[in-house]
Amino acid sequence: MPDTLPIGIAPAGGRPRTGPCAPDAGTTQLLDEFNQAYSKLLRLLRDAWGRDDAGEAEGPLFEAIPPMSALQDPAQQLMARPLPGGGGNYGPEFLHVTPRRVRASRTRPGRASEKGTGSAPRVVRGRAPRRVRG
């Protein structure tokens, strides 16, 4: 068996982004990066599953491959970071969050940049994906 890392238990709804129990900025960035890639993957898979024609589902399925691959790096980096005070290491939160908003830059007209708010991710709650008719 390969070596494993002791992953601590994440609080329901994810780790706080502010306050005394909040992770450091680098860890918060990794948590958010993972959650964004995971959520993009879920949205693409939900889109593929919602298609009535299997041929139409192919595009979203292929689009899901890069976000799936994007999960590995932040997950591995998180699992290598010990939790403050012991109790294992950080791990992915697997939160379904809304996509980051892209705002137009005021310093350079015509260019857009992602702006993080620094606040806790907004968890998306709702219905399960539609089932594909067989």
Foldseek 3Di string as FASTA:
>chain_A
DDDAFQAADADVPGFFLDDDQHDDPVLVVLQVQLLQLLLLLQVLQLVLQPDQDNVVSVVSVVVSVVSVVSNPVSQVVQQVAARPPGRTTHGHPSFNFDHFDWDADPVDPPDIDTDDPSGRTDGDDDDDRDGHDD
